[in-house]
Amino acid sequence: MAKNKGSRIVITLECADTDCRTRPLETKRSAGYTRYTTTKNRRNTTNRLEIKKFCPRCNIHCTFKEIK
């Protein structure tokens, strides 16, 4: 029998910087949006998650917000 995973779910985080999409690309950087995946406990954290992480497109640490 498979074990129930419980209340932990996989979420996707995307760069919240609005200039990130409009900023011109630097050399040797990816053309797509920067996204991270992580897990969160649905019972303890009901709001959308916001974490400061490194964005290789912006080349700085900025806020990443949970997307649907």
PDB file of N, CA and C in Angstrom:
ATOM      1  N   MET A   1       0.833  -1.171   0.000  1.00  0.00           N
ATOM      2  CA  MET A   1       0.000   0.000   0.000  1.00  0.00           C
ATOM      3  C   MET A   1       0.889   1.249   0.000  1.00  0.00           C
ATOM      4  N   ALA A   2       0.445   2.234  -0.748  1.00  0.00           N
ATOM      5  CA  ALA A   2       1.184   3.489  -0.818  1.00  0.00           C
ATOM      6  C   ALA A   2       0.915   4.324   0.426  1.00  0.00           C
ATOM      7  N   LYS A   3       1.971   4.990   0.889  1.00  0.00           N
ATOM      8  CA  LYS A   3       1.835   5.826   2.073  1.00  0.00           C
ATOM      9  C   LYS A   3       1.251   7.181   1.673  1.00  0.00           C
ATOM     10  N   ASN A   4       0.321   7.686   2.467  1.00  0.00           N
ATOM     11  CA  ASN A   4      -0.270   8.988   2.210  1.00  0.00           C
ATOM     12  C   ASN A   4       0.784  10.074   2.428  1.00  0.00           C
ATOM     13  N   LYS A   5       0.909  10.986   1.485  1.00  0.00           N
ATOM     14  CA  LYS A   5       1.932  12.024   1.579  1.00  0.00           C
ATOM     15  C   LYS A   5       1.587  13.079   2.616  1.00  0.00           C
ATOM     16  N   GLY A   6       0.342  13.164   3.014  1.00  0.00           N
ATOM     17  CA  GLY A   6      -0.035  14.117   4.044  1.00  0.00           C
ATOM     18  C   GLY A   6      -0.288  15.497   3.491  1.00  0.00           C
ATOM     19  N   SER A   7       0.089  16.505   4.260  1.00  0.00           N
ATOM     20  CA  SER A   7      -0.247  17.868   3.892  1.00  0.00           C
ATOM     21  C   SER A   7       0.880  18.601   3.169  1.00  0.00           C
ATOM     22  N   ARG A   8       1.999  17.915   2.868  1.00  0.00           N
ATOM     23  CA  ARG A   8       3.091  18.575   2.142  1.00  0.00           C
ATOM     24  C   ARG A   8       2.806  18.540   0.647  1.00  0.00           C
ATOM     25  N   ILE A   9       2.932  19.702   0.009  1.00  0.00           N
ATOM     26  CA  ILE A   9       2.685  19.802  -1.421  1.00  0.00           C
ATOM     27  C   ILE A   9       3.888  20.455  -2.096  1.00  0.00           C
ATOM     28  N   VAL A  10       4.060  20.174  -3.383  1.00  0.00           N
ATOM     29  CA  VAL A  10       5.135  20.768  -4.175  1.00  0.00           C
ATOM     30  C   VAL A  10       4.619  22.070  -4.747  1.00  0.00           C
ATOM     31  N   ILE A  11       5.409  23.144  -4.583  1.00  0.00           N
ATOM     32  CA  ILE A  11       5.032  24.452  -5.113  1.00  0.00           C
ATOM     33  C   ILE A  11       6.137  24.968  -6.025  1.00  0.00           C
ATOM     34  N   THR A  12       5.777  25.919  -6.877  1.00  0.00           N
ATOM     35  CA  THR A  12       6.728  26.543  -7.792  1.00  0.00           C
ATOM     36  C   THR A  12       6.886  28.007  -7.404  1.00  0.00           C
ATOM     37  N   LEU A  13       8.132  28.471  -7.333  1.00  0.00           N
ATOM     38  CA  LEU A  13       8.428  29.857  -7.002  1.00  0.00           C
ATOM     39  C   LEU A  13       8.965  30.556  -8.247  1.00  0.00           C
ATOM     40  N   GLU A  14       8.477  31.774  -8.505  1.00  0.00           N
ATOM     41  CA  GLU A  14       8.920  32.539  -9.661  1.00  0.00           C
ATOM     42  C   GLU A  14       9.370  33.921  -9.212  1.00  0.00           C
ATOM     43  N   CYS A  15      10.346  34.472  -9.906  1.00  0.00           N
ATOM     44  CA  CYS A  15      10.890  35.785  -9.567  1.00  0.00           C
ATOM     45  C   CYS A  15       9.780  36.832  -9.596  1.00  0.00           C
ATOM     46  N   ALA A  16       9.665  37.597  -8.514  1.00  0.00           N
ATOM     47  CA  ALA A  16       8.603  38.592  -8.393  1.00  0.00           C
ATOM     48  C   ALA A  16       9.018  39.945  -8.941  1.00  0.00           C
ATOM     49  N   ASP A  17      10.275  40.089  -9.337  1.00  0.00           N
ATOM     50  CA  ASP A  17      10.767  41.361  -9.866  1.00  0.00           C
ATOM     51  C   ASP A  17      10.153  41.603 -11.237  1.00  0.00           C
ATOM     52  N   THR A  18       9.400  42.684 -11.377  1.00  0.00           N
ATOM     53  CA  THR A  18       8.744  42.965 -12.657  1.00  0.00           C
ATOM     54  C   THR A  18       9.754  43.377 -13.724  1.00  0.00           C
ATOM     55  N   ASP A  19      10.889  43.931 -13.302  1.00  0.00           N
ATOM     56  CA  ASP A  19      11.915  44.316 -14.267  1.00  0.00           C
ATOM     57  C   ASP A  19      12.663  43.108 -14.819  1.00  0.00           C
ATOM     58  N   CYS A  20      12.531  41.977 -14.170  1.00  0.00           N
ATOM     59  CA  CYS A  20      13.245  40.770 -14.593  1.00  0.00           C
ATOM     60  C   CYS A  20      12.840  40.353 -16.002  1.00  0.00           C
ATOM     61  N   ARG A  21      11.563  40.513 -16.318  1.00  0.00           N
ATOM     62  CA  ARG A  21      11.079  40.103 -17.636  1.00  0.00           C
ATOM     63  C   ARG A  21      11.452  41.108 -18.719  1.00  0.00           C
ATOM     64  N   THR A  22      11.572  42.385 -18.334  1.00  0.00           N
ATOM     65  CA  THR A  22      11.849  43.417 -19.325  1.00  0.00           C
ATOM     66  C   THR A  22      13.326  43.774 -19.424  1.00  0.00           C
ATOM     67  N   ARG A  23      14.114  43.373 -18.429  1.00  0.00           N
ATOM     68  CA  ARG A  23      15.544  43.685 -18.406  1.00  0.00           C
ATOM     69  C   ARG A  23      16.256  42.944 -19.543  1.00  0.00           C
ATOM     70  N   PRO A  24      17.159  43.609 -20.258  1.00  0.00           N
ATOM     71  CA  PRO A  24      17.893  42.905 -21.325  1.00  0.00           C
ATOM     72  C   PRO A  24      18.801  41.829 -20.732  1.00  0.00           C
ATOM     73  N   LEU A  25      18.981  40.766 -21.484  1.00  0.00           N
ATOM     74  CA  LEU A  25      19.795  39.639 -21.022  1.00  0.00           C
ATOM     75  C   LEU A  25      21.270  39.988 -20.995  1.00  0.00           C
ATOM     76  N   GLU A  26      21.944  39.517 -19.953  1.00  0.00           N
ATOM     77  CA  GLU A  26      23.387  39.633 -19.899  1.00  0.00           C
ATOM     78  C   GLU A  26      23.974  38.431 -20.631  1.00  0.00           C
ATOM     79  N   THR A  27      25.242  38.459 -20.891  1.00  0.00           N
ATOM     80  CA  THR A  27      25.864  37.359 -21.601  1.00  0.00           C
ATOM     81  C   THR A  27      25.855  36.097 -20.749  1.00  0.00           C
ATOM     82  N   LYS A  28      25.734  34.950 -21.385  1.00  0.00           N
ATOM     83  CA  LYS A  28      25.776  33.633 -20.760  1.00  0.00           C
ATOM     84  C   LYS A  28      24.668  33.421 -19.726  1.00  0.00           C
ATOM     85  N   ARG A  29      23.540  34.076 -19.878  1.00  0.00           N
ATOM     86  CA  ARG A  29      22.398  33.869 -18.993  1.00  0.00           C
ATOM     87  C   ARG A  29      21.258  33.255 -19.788  1.00  0.00           C
ATOM     88  N   SER A  30      20.363  32.535 -19.081  1.00  0.00           N
ATOM     89  CA  SER A  30      19.264  31.856 -19.760  1.00  0.00           C
ATOM     90  C   SER A  30      18.218  32.863 -20.221  1.00  0.00           C
ATOM     91  N   ALA A  31      17.505  32.524 -21.279  1.00  0.00           N
ATOM     92  CA  ALA A  31      16.500  33.419 -21.838  1.00  0.00           C
ATOM     93  C   ALA A  31      15.156  33.273 -21.144  1.00  0.00           C
ATOM     94  N   GLY A  32      14.911  32.167 -20.445  1.00  0.00           N
ATOM     95  CA  GLY A  32      13.612  31.919 -19.820  1.00  0.00           C
ATOM     96  C   GLY A  32      13.487  32.549 -18.457  1.00  0.00           C
ATOM     97  N   TYR A  33      12.310  32.364 -17.856  1.00  0.00           N
ATOM     98  CA  TYR A  33      12.063  32.850 -16.506  1.00  0.00           C
ATOM     99  C   TYR A  33      12.737  31.930 -15.510  1.00  0.00           C
ATOM    100  N   THR A  34      13.124  32.501 -14.374  1.00  0.00           N
ATOM    101  CA  THR A  34      13.771  31.712 -13.337  1.00  0.00           C
ATOM    102  C   THR A  34      12.713  31.182 -12.398  1.00  0.00           C
ATOM    103  N   ARG A  35      12.710  29.861 -12.182  1.00  0.00           N
ATOM    104  CA  ARG A  35      11.751  29.232 -11.286  1.00  0.00           C
ATOM    105  C   ARG A  35      12.461  28.218 -10.413  1.00  0.00           C
ATOM    106  N   TYR A  36      12.011  28.124  -9.170  1.00  0.00           N
ATOM    107  CA  TYR A  36      12.478  27.116  -8.230  1.00  0.00           C
ATOM    108  C   TYR A  36      11.284  26.283  -7.802  1.00  0.00           C
ATOM    109  N   THR A  37      11.533  25.036  -7.430  1.00  0.00           N
ATOM    110  CA  THR A  37      10.481  24.203  -6.856  1.00  0.00           C
ATOM    111  C   THR A  37      10.881  23.830  -5.438  1.00  0.00           C
ATOM    112  N   THR A  38       9.902  23.753  -4.565  1.00  0.00           N
ATOM    113  CA  THR A  38      10.116  23.390  -3.174  1.00  0.00           C
ATOM    114  C   THR A  38       8.822  22.796  -2.635  1.00  0.00           C
ATOM    115  N   THR A  39       8.839  22.396  -1.381  1.00  0.00           N
ATOM    116  CA  THR A  39       7.632  21.868  -0.751  1.00  0.00           C
ATOM    117  C   THR A  39       7.253  22.746   0.433  1.00  0.00           C
ATOM    118  N   LYS A  40       5.979  22.727   0.759  1.00  0.00           N
ATOM    119  CA  LYS A  40       5.522  23.446   1.944  1.00  0.00           C
ATOM    120  C   LYS A  40       4.416  22.644   2.599  1.00  0.00           C
ATOM    121  N   ASN A  41       4.228  22.891   3.894  1.00  0.00           N
ATOM    122  CA  ASN A  41       3.169  22.239   4.644  1.00  0.00           C
ATOM    123  C   ASN A  41       1.909  23.076   4.481  1.00  0.00           C
ATOM    124  N   ARG A  42       0.883  22.487   3.893  1.00  0.00           N
ATOM    125  CA  ARG A  42      -0.346  23.198   3.599  1.00  0.00           C
ATOM    126  C   ARG A  42      -1.075  23.641   4.872  1.00  0.00           C
ATOM    127  N   ARG A  43      -0.953  22.864   5.937  1.00  0.00           N
ATOM    128  CA  ARG A  43      -1.656  23.198   7.182  1.00  0.00           C
ATOM    129  C   ARG A  43      -0.992  24.355   7.922  1.00  0.00           C
ATOM    130  N   ASN A  44       0.333  24.379   7.971  1.00  0.00           N
ATOM    131  CA  ASN A  44       1.042  25.424   8.714  1.00  0.00           C
ATOM    132  C   ASN A  44       1.168  26.726   7.933  1.00  0.00           C
ATOM    133  N   THR A  45       1.334  26.644   6.625  1.00  0.00           N
ATOM    134  CA  THR A  45       1.535  27.820   5.783  1.00  0.00           C
ATOM    135  C   THR A  45       0.400  27.890   4.775  1.00  0.00           C
ATOM    136  N   THR A  46      -0.672  28.580   5.144  1.00  0.00           N
ATOM    137  CA  THR A  46      -1.829  28.651   4.251  1.00  0.00           C
ATOM    138  C   THR A  46      -1.676  29.762   3.216  1.00  0.00           C
ATOM    139  N   ASN A  47      -0.888  30.797   3.542  1.00  0.00           N
ATOM    140  CA  ASN A  47      -0.679  31.902   2.603  1.00  0.00           C
ATOM    141  C   ASN A  47       0.324  31.503   1.530  1.00  0.00           C
ATOM    142  N   ARG A  48       0.406  32.338   0.492  1.00  0.00           N
ATOM    143  CA  ARG A  48       1.414  32.092  -0.537  1.00  0.00           C
ATOM    144  C   ARG A  48       2.792  32.391   0.014  1.00  0.00           C
ATOM    145  N   LEU A  49       3.748  31.552  -0.339  1.00  0.00           N
ATOM    146  CA  LEU A  49       5.101  31.629   0.192  1.00  0.00           C
ATOM    147  C   LEU A  49       5.915  32.671  -0.570  1.00  0.00           C
ATOM    148  N   GLU A  50       6.751  33.433   0.165  1.00  0.00           N
ATOM    149  CA  GLU A  50       7.691  34.382  -0.435  1.00  0.00           C
ATOM    150  C   GLU A  50       9.061  34.147   0.186  1.00  0.00           C
ATOM    151  N   ILE A  51      10.062  33.877  -0.656  1.00  0.00           N
ATOM    152  CA  ILE A  51      11.420  33.584  -0.201  1.00  0.00           C
ATOM    153  C   ILE A  51      12.401  34.398  -1.029  1.00  0.00           C
ATOM    154  N   LYS A  52      13.464  34.903  -0.376  1.00  0.00           N
ATOM    155  CA  LYS A  52      14.529  35.576  -1.107  1.00  0.00           C
ATOM    156  C   LYS A  52      15.515  34.523  -1.602  1.00  0.00           C
ATOM    157  N   LYS A  53      15.706  34.479  -2.930  1.00  0.00           N
ATOM    158  CA  LYS A  53      16.626  33.539  -3.546  1.00  0.00           C
ATOM    159  C   LYS A  53      17.393  34.271  -4.642  1.00  0.00           C
ATOM    160  N   PHE A  54      18.431  33.613  -5.149  1.00  0.00           N
ATOM    161  CA  PHE A  54      19.244  34.211  -6.206  1.00  0.00           C
ATOM    162  C   PHE A  54      18.566  34.011  -7.552  1.00  0.00           C
ATOM    163  N   CYS A  55      18.424  35.087  -8.297  1.00  0.00           N
ATOM    164  CA  CYS A  55      17.863  35.028  -9.643  1.00  0.00           C
ATOM    165  C   CYS A  55      19.004  35.203 -10.641  1.00  0.00           C
ATOM    166  N   PRO A  56      19.327  34.171 -11.399  1.00  0.00           N
ATOM    167  CA  PRO A  56      20.433  34.295 -12.358  1.00  0.00           C
ATOM    168  C   PRO A  56      20.124  35.261 -13.504  1.00  0.00           C
ATOM    169  N   ARG A  57      18.851  35.487 -13.788  1.00  0.00           N
ATOM    170  CA  ARG A  57      18.504  36.440 -14.846  1.00  0.00           C
ATOM    171  C   ARG A  57      18.732  37.872 -14.384  1.00  0.00           C
ATOM    172  N   CYS A  58      18.351  38.181 -13.127  1.00  0.00           N
ATOM    173  CA  CYS A  58      18.585  39.519 -12.557  1.00  0.00           C
ATOM    174  C   CYS A  58      20.011  39.664 -12.050  1.00  0.00           C
ATOM    175  N   ASN A  59      20.634  38.547 -11.731  1.00  0.00           N
ATOM    176  CA  ASN A  59      21.985  38.476 -11.182  1.00  0.00           C
ATOM    177  C   ASN A  59      22.067  39.104  -9.785  1.00  0.00           C
ATOM    178  N   ILE A  60      20.966  39.041  -9.029  1.00  0.00           N
ATOM    179  CA  ILE A  60      20.900  39.533  -7.657  1.00  0.00           C
ATOM    180  C   ILE A  60      19.976  38.613  -6.852  1.00  0.00           C
ATOM    181  N   HIS A  61      19.976  38.797  -5.532  1.00  0.00           N
ATOM    182  CA  HIS A  61      19.012  38.116  -4.682  1.00  0.00           C
ATOM    183  C   HIS A  61      17.728  38.945  -4.694  1.00  0.00           C
ATOM    184  N   CYS A  62      16.605  38.306  -4.992  1.00  0.00           N
ATOM    185  CA  CYS A  62      15.330  39.009  -4.997  1.00  0.00           C
ATOM    186  C   CYS A  62      14.240  38.083  -4.481  1.00  0.00           C
ATOM    187  N   THR A  63      13.066  38.625  -4.277  1.00  0.00           N
ATOM    188  CA  THR A  63      11.944  37.878  -3.721  1.00  0.00           C
ATOM    189  C   THR A  63      11.339  36.966  -4.779  1.00  0.00           C
ATOM    190  N   PHE A  64      11.126  35.721  -4.411  1.00  0.00           N
ATOM    191  CA  PHE A  64      10.437  34.764  -5.263  1.00  0.00           C
ATOM    192  C   PHE A  64       9.093  34.449  -4.625  1.00  0.00           C
ATOM    193  N   LYS A  65       8.025  34.516  -5.404  1.00  0.00           N
ATOM    194  CA  LYS A  65       6.685  34.278  -4.891  1.00  0.00           C
ATOM    195  C   LYS A  65       6.122  32.987  -5.466  1.00  0.00           C
ATOM    196  N   GLU A  66       5.252  32.368  -4.671  1.00  0.00           N
ATOM    197  CA  GLU A  66       4.604  31.124  -5.084  1.00  0.00           C
ATOM    198  C   GLU A  66       3.606  31.425  -6.198  1.00  0.00           C
ATOM    199  N   ILE A  67       3.649  30.606  -7.253  1.00  0.00           N
ATOM    200  CA  ILE A  67       2.678  30.742  -8.334  1.00  0.00           C
ATOM    201  C   ILE A  67       1.784  29.517  -8.315  1.00  0.00           C
ATOM    202  N   LYS A  68       0.689  29.589  -9.033  1.00  0.00           N
ATOM    203  CA  LYS A  68      -0.277  28.504  -9.036  1.00  0.00           C
ATOM    204  C   LYS A  68       0.210  27.294  -9.761  1.00  0.00           C
TER     205      LYS A  68
END
